[in-house]
Amino acid sequence: MGSIDLGLSHRELQIIAEVENGATNRMVAEKLKISEKTVKHYMSSIMHKCGATNRVSAVMASQRVRQSGQHA
């Protein structure tokens, strides 16, 4: 995944990749060694950039962009 079309930062790409694999905020936080609150902040930013109202919609938007041959 890249950051061109949805404008996601490197850290946001790391987080959405983990969420796509089914990770909870707590699991993402532990893996990336950041706080769960920070993950929640990043998820809010990701959802805003994707125009999503929840994490499932954000994952779907990221996958759509990637599958269309573009970058998330």
C-alpha atoms as a PDB file:
ATOM      1  CA  MET A   1       0.000   0.000   0.000  1.00  0.00           C
ATOM      2  CA  GLY A   2       1.136   3.512  -0.741  1.00  0.00           C
ATOM      3  CA  SER A   3      -0.153   6.826   0.490  1.00  0.00           C
ATOM      4  CA  ILE A   4      -0.916   8.593  -2.807  1.00  0.00           C
ATOM      5  CA  ASP A   5      -4.686   8.434  -3.268  1.00  0.00           C
ATOM      6  CA  LEU A   6      -6.123   8.437   0.234  1.00  0.00           C
ATOM      7  CA  GLY A   7      -3.268  10.510   1.594  1.00  0.00           C
ATOM      8  CA  LEU A   8      -2.411   8.052   4.364  1.00  0.00           C
ATOM      9  CA  SER A   9       0.859   8.486   6.242  1.00  0.00           C
ATOM     10  CA  HIS A  10       3.314   5.638   6.731  1.00  0.00           C
ATOM     11  CA  ARG A  11       2.007   5.036  10.269  1.00  0.00           C
ATOM     12  CA  GLU A  12      -1.621   5.124   9.091  1.00  0.00           C
ATOM     13  CA  LEU A  13      -0.756   2.530   6.446  1.00  0.00           C
ATOM     14  CA  GLN A  14       0.779   0.319   9.127  1.00  0.00           C
ATOM     15  CA  ILE A  15      -2.333   0.630  11.250  1.00  0.00           C
ATOM     16  CA  ILE A  16      -4.870   0.004   8.476  1.00  0.00           C
ATOM     17  CA  ALA A  17      -2.854  -3.054   7.375  1.00  0.00           C
ATOM     18  CA  GLU A  18      -3.116  -4.489  10.885  1.00  0.00           C
ATOM     19  CA  VAL A  19      -6.834  -3.698  11.068  1.00  0.00           C
ATOM     20  CA  GLU A  20      -7.352  -5.371   7.675  1.00  0.00           C
ATOM     21  CA  ASN A  21      -5.838  -8.500   9.233  1.00  0.00           C
ATOM     22  CA  GLY A  22      -8.394  -8.384  12.037  1.00  0.00           C
ATOM     23  CA  ALA A  23      -6.343  -6.698  14.746  1.00  0.00           C
ATOM     24  CA  THR A  24      -8.111  -4.766  17.483  1.00  0.00           C
ATOM     25  CA  ASN A  25      -6.862  -1.342  18.563  1.00  0.00           C
ATOM     26  CA  ARG A  26      -5.180  -2.963  21.550  1.00  0.00           C
ATOM     27  CA  MET A  27      -3.425  -5.535  19.346  1.00  0.00           C
ATOM     28  CA  VAL A  28      -2.235  -2.808  16.959  1.00  0.00           C
ATOM     29  CA  ALA A  29      -0.960  -0.746  19.887  1.00  0.00           C
ATOM     30  CA  GLU A  30       0.991  -3.670  21.300  1.00  0.00           C
ATOM     31  CA  LYS A  31       2.508  -4.596  17.939  1.00  0.00           C
ATOM     32  CA  LEU A  32       3.528  -1.032  17.043  1.00  0.00           C
ATOM     33  CA  LYS A  33       4.524  -0.167  20.618  1.00  0.00           C
ATOM     34  CA  ILE A  34       2.205   2.835  20.858  1.00  0.00           C
ATOM     35  CA  SER A  35      -0.737   3.525  23.143  1.00  0.00           C
ATOM     36  CA  GLU A  36      -4.233   2.326  22.376  1.00  0.00           C
ATOM     37  CA  LYS A  37      -5.371   5.957  22.532  1.00  0.00           C
ATOM     38  CA  THR A  38      -2.859   6.808  19.791  1.00  0.00           C
ATOM     39  CA  VAL A  39      -4.235   3.992  17.633  1.00  0.00           C
ATOM     40  CA  LYS A  40      -7.749   5.394  18.144  1.00  0.00           C
ATOM     41  CA  HIS A  41      -6.492   8.817  17.059  1.00  0.00           C
ATOM     42  CA  TYR A  42      -4.925   7.347  13.919  1.00  0.00           C
ATOM     43  CA  MET A  43      -8.080   5.367  13.153  1.00  0.00           C
ATOM     44  CA  SER A  44     -10.128   8.575  13.359  1.00  0.00           C
ATOM     45  CA  SER A  45      -7.732  10.220  10.922  1.00  0.00           C
ATOM     46  CA  ILE A  46      -7.830   7.211   8.577  1.00  0.00           C
ATOM     47  CA  MET A  47     -11.636   7.140   8.630  1.00  0.00           C
ATOM     48  CA  HIS A  48     -11.766  10.871   7.888  1.00  0.00           C
ATOM     49  CA  LYS A  49      -9.365  10.521   4.941  1.00  0.00           C
ATOM     50  CA  CYS A  50     -11.343   7.544   3.597  1.00  0.00           C
ATOM     51  CA  GLY A  51     -14.695   9.250   4.094  1.00  0.00           C
ATOM     52  CA  ALA A  52     -15.648   6.317   6.305  1.00  0.00           C
ATOM     53  CA  THR A  53     -17.908   6.330   9.350  1.00  0.00           C
ATOM     54  CA  ASN A  54     -16.451   3.168  10.907  1.00  0.00           C
ATOM     55  CA  ARG A  55     -13.374   0.937  10.747  1.00  0.00           C
ATOM     56  CA  VAL A  56     -15.017  -1.614   8.446  1.00  0.00           C
ATOM     57  CA  SER A  57     -15.769   1.094   5.889  1.00  0.00           C
ATOM     58  CA  ALA A  58     -12.196   2.384   6.188  1.00  0.00           C
ATOM     59  CA  VAL A  59     -10.802  -1.091   5.525  1.00  0.00           C
ATOM     60  CA  MET A  60     -13.132  -1.526   2.564  1.00  0.00           C
ATOM     61  CA  ALA A  61     -12.054   1.833   1.103  1.00  0.00           C
ATOM     62  CA  SER A  62      -8.397   0.951   1.510  1.00  0.00           C
ATOM     63  CA  GLN A  63      -8.913  -2.437  -0.138  1.00  0.00           C
ATOM     64  CA  ARG A  64     -10.919  -0.913  -3.011  1.00  0.00           C
ATOM     65  CA  VAL A  65      -8.169   1.555  -3.789  1.00  0.00           C
ATOM     66  CA  ARG A  66      -5.510  -1.145  -3.631  1.00  0.00           C
ATOM     67  CA  GLN A  67      -7.501  -3.587  -5.795  1.00  0.00           C
ATOM     68  CA  SER A  68      -8.086  -0.944  -8.441  1.00  0.00           C
ATOM     69  CA  GLY A  69      -4.329  -0.823  -8.979  1.00  0.00           C
ATOM     70  CA  GLN A  70      -3.922   2.448  -7.134  1.00  0.00           C
ATOM     71  CA  HIS A  71      -2.448   3.006  -3.712  1.00  0.00           C
ATOM     72  CA  ALA A  72      -4.278   3.480  -0.440  1.00  0.00           C
END
